Every structure is written in C-alpha cells, then in structure tokens.
C-alpha atoms as a PDB file:
ATOM      1  CA  MET A   1       0.000   0.000   0.000  1.00  0.00           C
ATOM      2  CA  GLY A   2       2.998   2.259  -0.418  1.00  0.00           C
ATOM      3  CA  ASP A   3       1.387   4.099  -3.319  1.00  0.00           C
ATOM      4  CA  ALA A   4      -2.070   4.389  -1.765  1.00  0.00           C
ATOM      5  CA  LEU A   5      -1.965   8.193  -1.796  1.00  0.00           C
ATOM      6  CA  GLU A   6      -1.085   8.247  -5.494  1.00  0.00           C
ATOM      7  CA  VAL A   7      -3.885   5.815  -6.287  1.00  0.00           C
ATOM      8  CA  ALA A   8      -6.327   7.930  -4.268  1.00  0.00           C
ATOM      9  CA  LYS A   9      -5.402  10.966  -6.379  1.00  0.00           C
ATOM     10  CA  GLN A  10      -6.280   9.109  -9.584  1.00  0.00           C
ATOM     11  CA  VAL A  11      -9.192   6.862  -8.583  1.00  0.00           C
ATOM     12  CA  LYS A  12     -12.249   7.453  -6.415  1.00  0.00           C
ATOM     13  CA  ILE A  13     -11.936   5.000  -3.528  1.00  0.00           C
ATOM     14  CA  GLY A  14     -15.123   3.954  -1.728  1.00  0.00           C
ATOM     15  CA  ARG A  15     -13.460   2.023   1.073  1.00  0.00           C
ATOM     16  CA  ILE A  16     -10.150   0.381   1.907  1.00  0.00           C
ATOM     17  CA  VAL A  17      -9.988  -3.229   3.089  1.00  0.00           C
ATOM     18  CA  VAL A  18      -7.094  -4.046   5.436  1.00  0.00           C
ATOM     19  CA  SER A  19      -5.753  -6.841   7.616  1.00  0.00           C
ATOM     20  CA  PRO A  20      -5.679  -6.295  11.393  1.00  0.00           C
ATOM     21  CA  GLY A  21      -1.873  -6.246  11.388  1.00  0.00           C
ATOM     22  CA  SER A  22      -1.673  -3.420   8.866  1.00  0.00           C
ATOM     23  CA  LEU A  23      -3.131  -1.108  11.507  1.00  0.00           C
ATOM     24  CA  THR A  24      -0.016  -1.691  13.646  1.00  0.00           C
ATOM     25  CA  VAL A  25       2.088   0.257  11.115  1.00  0.00           C
ATOM     26  CA  PRO A  26       2.010   3.971  12.064  1.00  0.00           C
ATOM     27  CA  ASP A  27       2.933   5.287   8.592  1.00  0.00           C
ATOM     28  CA  PHE A  28       0.181   3.223   6.996  1.00  0.00           C
ATOM     29  CA  VAL A  29      -2.392   4.418   9.539  1.00  0.00           C
ATOM     30  CA  ALA A  30      -1.343   8.017   8.824  1.00  0.00           C
ATOM     31  CA  THR A  31      -1.809   7.383   5.093  1.00  0.00           C
ATOM     32  CA  LEU A  32      -5.285   5.966   5.717  1.00  0.00           C
ATOM     33  CA  LYS A  33      -6.212   9.085   7.687  1.00  0.00           C
ATOM     34  CA  GLU A  34      -4.947  11.295   4.877  1.00  0.00           C
ATOM     35  CA  ILE A  35      -6.952   9.408   2.248  1.00  0.00           C
ATOM     36  CA  ASN A  36     -10.020   9.814   4.482  1.00  0.00           C
ATOM     37  CA  VAL A  37     -12.282   6.980   3.289  1.00  0.00           C
ATOM     38  CA  PRO A  38     -13.933   4.219   5.320  1.00  0.00           C
ATOM     39  CA  VAL A  39     -11.545   1.441   6.398  1.00  0.00           C
ATOM     40  CA  HIS A  40     -12.850  -2.121   6.739  1.00  0.00           C
ATOM     41  CA  VAL A  41     -10.758  -4.595   8.758  1.00  0.00           C
ATOM     42  CA  VAL A  42     -11.299  -8.173   7.540  1.00  0.00           C
ATOM     43  CA  LYS A  43     -10.566 -11.584   8.985  1.00  0.00           C
ATOM     44  CA  VAL A  44     -10.477 -15.151   7.674  1.00  0.00           C
ATOM     45  CA  GLY A  45     -13.923 -16.246   6.560  1.00  0.00           C
ATOM     46  CA  ASP A  46     -15.222 -12.767   5.769  1.00  0.00           C
ATOM     47  CA  ARG A  47     -16.922 -12.489   2.383  1.00  0.00           C
ATOM     48  CA  LEU A  48     -16.686  -9.400   0.219  1.00  0.00           C
ATOM     49  CA  PRO A  49     -19.543  -9.149  -2.299  1.00  0.00           C
ATOM     50  CA  ILE A  50     -18.617  -8.735  -5.963  1.00  0.00           C
ATOM     51  CA  PHE A  51     -21.110  -8.971  -8.835  1.00  0.00           C
ATOM     52  CA  ASP A  52     -23.412 -11.892  -8.022  1.00  0.00           C
ATOM     53  CA  SER A  53     -20.711 -13.660  -6.012  1.00  0.00           C
ATOM     54  CA  TYR A  54     -18.111 -12.889  -3.353  1.00  0.00           C
ATOM     55  CA  LEU A  55     -14.417 -13.020  -2.552  1.00  0.00           C
ATOM     56  CA  GLU A  56     -13.612 -14.884   0.655  1.00  0.00           C
ATOM     57  CA  VAL A  57     -10.757 -13.867   2.948  1.00  0.00           C
ATOM     58  CA  LEU A  58      -8.401 -16.856   3.352  1.00  0.00           C
ATOM     59  CA  TYR A  59      -5.475 -15.149   5.094  1.00  0.00           C
ATOM     60  CA  PRO A  60      -4.101 -13.810   7.444  1.00  0.00           C
ATOM     61  CA  ASP A  61      -5.583 -15.815  10.261  1.00  0.00           C
ATOM     62  CA  GLY A  62      -4.510 -13.424  12.994  1.00  0.00           C
ATOM     63  CA  THR A  63      -2.870 -10.092  13.650  1.00  0.00           C
ATOM     64  CA  GLY A  64       0.567  -9.949  12.082  1.00  0.00           C
ATOM     65  CA  ASP A  65       3.183  -7.236  11.794  1.00  0.00           C
ATOM     66  CA  GLY A  66       1.639  -5.444   8.821  1.00  0.00           C
ATOM     67  CA  GLY A  67       4.406  -6.604   6.467  1.00  0.00           C
ATOM     68  CA  ASN A  68       4.216  -8.514   3.190  1.00  0.00           C
ATOM     69  CA  ASN A  69       3.267 -11.775   4.866  1.00  0.00           C
ATOM     70  CA  ASP A  70       0.329 -10.060   6.537  1.00  0.00           C
ATOM     71  CA  SER A  71      -1.277  -9.446   3.136  1.00  0.00           C
ATOM     72  CA  ILE A  72      -4.931 -10.220   2.626  1.00  0.00           C
ATOM     73  CA  VAL A  73      -5.520 -13.286   0.440  1.00  0.00           C
ATOM     74  CA  LEU A  74      -8.855 -13.406  -1.395  1.00  0.00           C
ATOM     75  CA  TYR A  75     -10.455 -16.341  -3.188  1.00  0.00           C
ATOM     76  CA  GLY A  76     -13.593 -16.435  -5.257  1.00  0.00           C
ATOM     77  CA  ARG A  77     -15.441 -17.973  -8.159  1.00  0.00           C
ATOM     78  CA  LEU A  78     -16.741 -15.603 -10.813  1.00  0.00           C
ATOM     79  CA  LEU A  79     -18.252 -16.744 -14.126  1.00  0.00           C
ATOM     80  CA  GLU A  80     -17.090 -20.335 -13.608  1.00  0.00           C
ATOM     81  CA  THR A  81     -13.507 -19.172 -12.997  1.00  0.00           C
ATOM     82  CA  ASN A  82     -11.631 -19.514  -9.671  1.00  0.00           C
ATOM     83  CA  PHE A  83      -9.487 -16.514  -8.721  1.00  0.00           C
ATOM     84  CA  LEU A  84      -6.804 -16.306  -6.016  1.00  0.00           C
ATOM     85  CA  PHE A  85      -5.426 -12.865  -5.104  1.00  0.00           C
ATOM     86  CA  THR A  86      -2.359 -13.142  -2.876  1.00  0.00           C
ATOM     87  CA  GLY A  87      -1.256  -9.539  -2.338  1.00  0.00           C
ATOM     88  CA  ASP A  88       2.416  -9.401  -1.326  1.00  0.00           C
ATOM     89  CA  LEU A  89       2.279 -12.757   0.451  1.00  0.00           C
ATOM     90  CA  GLU A  90       5.408 -14.901   0.246  1.00  0.00           C
ATOM     91  CA  GLN A  91       6.000 -17.433   3.060  1.00  0.00           C
ATOM     92  CA  GLY A  92       2.316 -17.674   3.987  1.00  0.00           C
ATOM     93  CA  LYS A  93       1.513 -19.565   0.796  1.00  0.00           C
ATOM     94  CA  LEU A  94       2.695 -22.799   2.372  1.00  0.00           C
ATOM     95  CA  ASP A  95       0.196 -22.170   5.192  1.00  0.00           C
ATOM     96  CA  LEU A  96      -2.530 -21.888   2.550  1.00  0.00           C
ATOM     97  CA  ILE A  97      -1.680 -25.347   1.206  1.00  0.00           C
ATOM     98  CA  GLU A  98      -2.110 -26.866   4.671  1.00  0.00           C
ATOM     99  CA  THR A  99      -5.261 -24.938   5.522  1.00  0.00           C
ATOM    100  CA  TYR A 100      -6.950 -25.347   2.131  1.00  0.00           C
ATOM    101  CA  PRO A 101      -5.919 -28.723   0.695  1.00  0.00           C
ATOM    102  CA  ASN A 102      -8.529 -28.507  -2.092  1.00  0.00           C
ATOM    103  CA  LEU A 103      -8.088 -25.060  -3.584  1.00  0.00           C
ATOM    104  CA  PRO A 104      -8.751 -25.099  -7.333  1.00  0.00           C
ATOM    105  CA  VAL A 105      -7.342 -21.972  -8.980  1.00  0.00           C
ATOM    106  CA  ASP A 106      -7.704 -20.880 -12.585  1.00  0.00           C
ATOM    107  CA  VAL A 107      -6.278 -17.366 -12.242  1.00  0.00           C
ATOM    108  CA  LEU A 108      -3.515 -16.518  -9.745  1.00  0.00           C
ATOM    109  CA  LYS A 109      -2.540 -12.955  -8.972  1.00  0.00           C
ATOM    110  CA  ALA A 110       1.128 -13.682  -8.231  1.00  0.00           C
ATOM    111  CA  GLY A 111       2.349 -12.516  -4.854  1.00  0.00           C
ATOM    112  CA  HIS A 112       4.821  -9.712  -4.242  1.00  0.00           C
ATOM    113  CA  HIS A 113       5.184  -8.608  -7.872  1.00  0.00           C
ATOM    114  CA  GLY A 114       6.525 -12.011  -8.912  1.00  0.00           C
ATOM    115  CA  SER A 115       9.516 -11.854  -6.564  1.00  0.00           C
ATOM    116  CA  LYS A 116      11.767 -14.911  -6.183  1.00  0.00           C
ATOM    117  CA  GLY A 117       9.993 -16.095  -3.032  1.00  0.00           C
ATOM    118  CA  SER A 118       6.480 -15.363  -4.222  1.00  0.00           C
ATOM    119  CA  SER A 119       5.474 -18.595  -5.958  1.00  0.00           C
ATOM    120  CA  TYR A 120       7.048 -21.683  -4.437  1.00  0.00           C
ATOM    121  CA  PRO A 121       6.998 -24.806  -6.637  1.00  0.00           C
ATOM    122  CA  GLU A 122       4.943 -26.679  -4.002  1.00  0.00           C
ATOM    123  CA  PHE A 123       2.369 -23.914  -4.006  1.00  0.00           C
ATOM    124  CA  LEU A 124       2.091 -23.801  -7.800  1.00  0.00           C
ATOM    125  CA  ASP A 125       1.842 -27.595  -7.993  1.00  0.00           C
ATOM    126  CA  HIS A 126      -0.924 -27.524  -5.389  1.00  0.00           C
ATOM    127  CA  ILE A 127      -3.162 -24.865  -6.956  1.00  0.00           C
ATOM    128  CA  GLU A 128      -2.580 -25.836 -10.625  1.00  0.00           C
ATOM    129  CA  ALA A 129      -3.318 -22.331 -11.959  1.00  0.00           C
ATOM    130  CA  LYS A 130      -3.743 -21.810 -15.674  1.00  0.00           C
ATOM    131  CA  ILE A 131      -3.079 -18.059 -15.710  1.00  0.00           C
ATOM    132  CA  ALA A 132      -0.804 -15.868 -13.572  1.00  0.00           C
ATOM    133  CA  LEU A 133      -1.130 -12.105 -13.296  1.00  0.00           C
ATOM    134  CA  ILE A 134       1.970 -10.184 -12.245  1.00  0.00           C
ATOM    135  CA  SER A 135       1.663  -6.569 -11.171  1.00  0.00           C
ATOM    136  CA  ALA A 136       5.064  -4.884 -11.442  1.00  0.00           C
ATOM    137  CA  GLY A 137       6.208  -1.459 -12.535  1.00  0.00           C
ATOM    138  CA  GLU A 138       8.201  -1.144 -15.719  1.00  0.00           C
ATOM    139  CA  ASN A 139      11.968  -1.027 -15.010  1.00  0.00           C
ATOM    140  CA  ASN A 140      11.336  -1.237 -11.245  1.00  0.00           C
ATOM    141  CA  ARG A 141      14.344  -1.028  -8.938  1.00  0.00           C
ATOM    142  CA  TYR A 142      13.786  -4.548  -7.579  1.00  0.00           C
ATOM    143  CA  LYS A 143      13.819  -6.066 -11.078  1.00  0.00           C
ATOM    144  CA  HIS A 144      10.454  -7.791 -10.443  1.00  0.00           C
ATOM    145  CA  PRO A 145       9.305 -10.230 -11.609  1.00  0.00           C
ATOM    146  CA  HIS A 146      12.230 -12.538 -10.878  1.00  0.00           C
ATOM    147  CA  GLN A 147      13.324 -14.831 -13.708  1.00  0.00           C
ATOM    148  CA  GLU A 148      13.146 -17.877 -11.434  1.00  0.00           C
ATOM    149  CA  THR A 149       9.462 -17.171 -10.809  1.00  0.00           C
ATOM    150  CA  LEU A 150       8.814 -16.747 -14.535  1.00  0.00           C
ATOM    151  CA  ASP A 151      10.600 -20.051 -15.165  1.00  0.00           C
ATOM    152  CA  ARG A 152       8.375 -21.772 -12.579  1.00  0.00           C
ATOM    153  CA  PHE A 153       5.289 -20.523 -14.399  1.00  0.00           C
ATOM    154  CA  ASP A 154       6.703 -21.505 -17.776  1.00  0.00           C
ATOM    155  CA  SER A 155       7.622 -25.041 -16.690  1.00  0.00           C
ATOM    156  CA  ARG A 156       3.998 -25.545 -15.570  1.00  0.00           C
ATOM    157  CA  ASN A 157       2.510 -24.065 -18.762  1.00  0.00           C
ATOM    158  CA  ILE A 158       0.949 -21.198 -16.829  1.00  0.00           C
ATOM    159  CA  GLN A 159       0.114 -18.302 -19.131  1.00  0.00           C
ATOM    160  CA  VAL A 160       1.559 -15.073 -17.716  1.00  0.00           C
ATOM    161  CA  TYR A 161       0.231 -11.532 -18.022  1.00  0.00           C
ATOM    162  CA  ARG A 162       2.551  -8.769 -16.790  1.00  0.00           C
ATOM    163  CA  THR A 163       1.704  -5.137 -16.172  1.00  0.00           C
ATOM    164  CA  ASP A 164       5.327  -4.094 -16.738  1.00  0.00           C
ATOM    165  CA  GLN A 165       5.155  -5.397 -20.312  1.00  0.00           C
ATOM    166  CA  GLN A 166       1.480  -5.360 -21.256  1.00  0.00           C
ATOM    167  CA  GLY A 167       0.079  -2.515 -19.185  1.00  0.00           C
ATOM    168  CA  ALA A 168      -3.232  -2.765 -17.373  1.00  0.00           C
ATOM    169  CA  ILE A 169      -4.864  -6.184 -17.334  1.00  0.00           C
ATOM    170  CA  ARG A 170      -8.616  -6.408 -17.195  1.00  0.00           C
ATOM    171  CA  PHE A 171     -11.181  -9.153 -17.308  1.00  0.00           C
ATOM    172  CA  ARG A 172     -14.349  -8.351 -19.207  1.00  0.00           C
ATOM    173  CA  GLY A 173     -17.371 -10.423 -19.821  1.00  0.00           C
ATOM    174  CA  TRP A 174     -20.927 -11.194 -19.039  1.00  0.00           C
ATOM    175  CA  LYS A 175     -21.228 -14.930 -19.643  1.00  0.00           C
ATOM    176  CA  GLU A 176     -17.522 -15.728 -19.946  1.00  0.00           C
ATOM    177  CA  TRP A 177     -14.235 -13.905 -19.379  1.00  0.00           C
ATOM    178  CA  ARG A 178     -12.174 -12.149 -21.969  1.00  0.00           C
ATOM    179  CA  ILE A 179      -8.726 -10.918 -20.922  1.00  0.00           C
ATOM    180  CA  GLU A 180      -7.611  -7.564 -22.310  1.00  0.00           C
ATOM    181  CA  THR A 181      -4.420  -5.620 -21.821  1.00  0.00           C
ATOM    182  CA  VAL A 182      -4.187  -1.865 -22.177  1.00  0.00           C
ATOM    183  CA  ARG A 183      -0.934  -0.016 -22.670  1.00  0.00           C
ATOM    184  CA  GLU A 184      -0.880   3.794 -22.792  1.00  0.00           C
END
C-alpha cells in the first residue's frame, strides 16, 4: 500500500480493506487518515460481495506485523472461474496449502510482484493455476518479476500476463471472461 496516496489521487476509492496487522504500522495508519475513506478490517472467513458472487478472505488468520506476509488473500469464483489474489504474500503460501488442501485456482494474482519467493513450486503444484497475473512497474528497482518465478510458471505451462510489459490487465465479460491488456 505504499502508493495508496497516489492511487487515491487518480481513482475514487469507496473504502479500503485491510488486515488487522496493517493497523499496527504507524505510517500506513497516517496514510489511511490522509486518504479519508472508510476502512474495513477483515478476517479469515469474511466475504466481500462482488457482482453476483463474493471473494472470501483466506489469510491472514490473525494479527501480524503489517508486512508482506500479513497481506490479505482473497479467493472467489466468478463466471465459472476460480481466482486467487495473494497480495504481497510470500512465506504464507505454504500455510494456505495446509489450511486449504482442495483449492482449485484458474487465475492466480502472483504474490509480491513475482519476486523470487512469491510462488514456491509446491504452491504452484498444489493450486494448478492456468493463468498468472503479475503486477510490477516497468523497469522497477527490484527487477520484479524474478526470472526464477517466470521459469516456474513456464515449466507448468501457466500463461503469464505482466503489467510491466502489457500494461493494465482487465477481465471483461458477461457470460464468460475475456482478458484484455491496455498499454498507454
């Protein structure tokens, strides 16, 4: 959420959904106050309505330190497609495997911009995603996504969409999904 203020300048935000641990980070709390929109703290099992369905909170299962591994993980089924959004989660993905042994995933939003530790082989083998979405800035200082992560996706025939190369990624559809990329 480091760029939350910049996003708020460009997009009207109705509410911000956070993990309990994120409220332990003073700078983040100050940013939330500056943005001045309702904040909704979620926990495992909460359901966030979207279209005629919902996204369920799978993680974190307690109050963490507000860091990457305290990211909210959302799972939902929309138009016959299973989505898993992992935020910046890295190590917690192994916890997901244990907690949710039957987690079918069609579309994975790769964790932590596709960093080296974001998509462990065991995790990818478990969820069997068909598509991975990687949100990373073009020419970012961390060089995300990491080549090792891209190789893991490639070796499993997971189709990859990257914001650093293809721009914005959007899913459109009424009866079935169509993936579009938009580059300005």
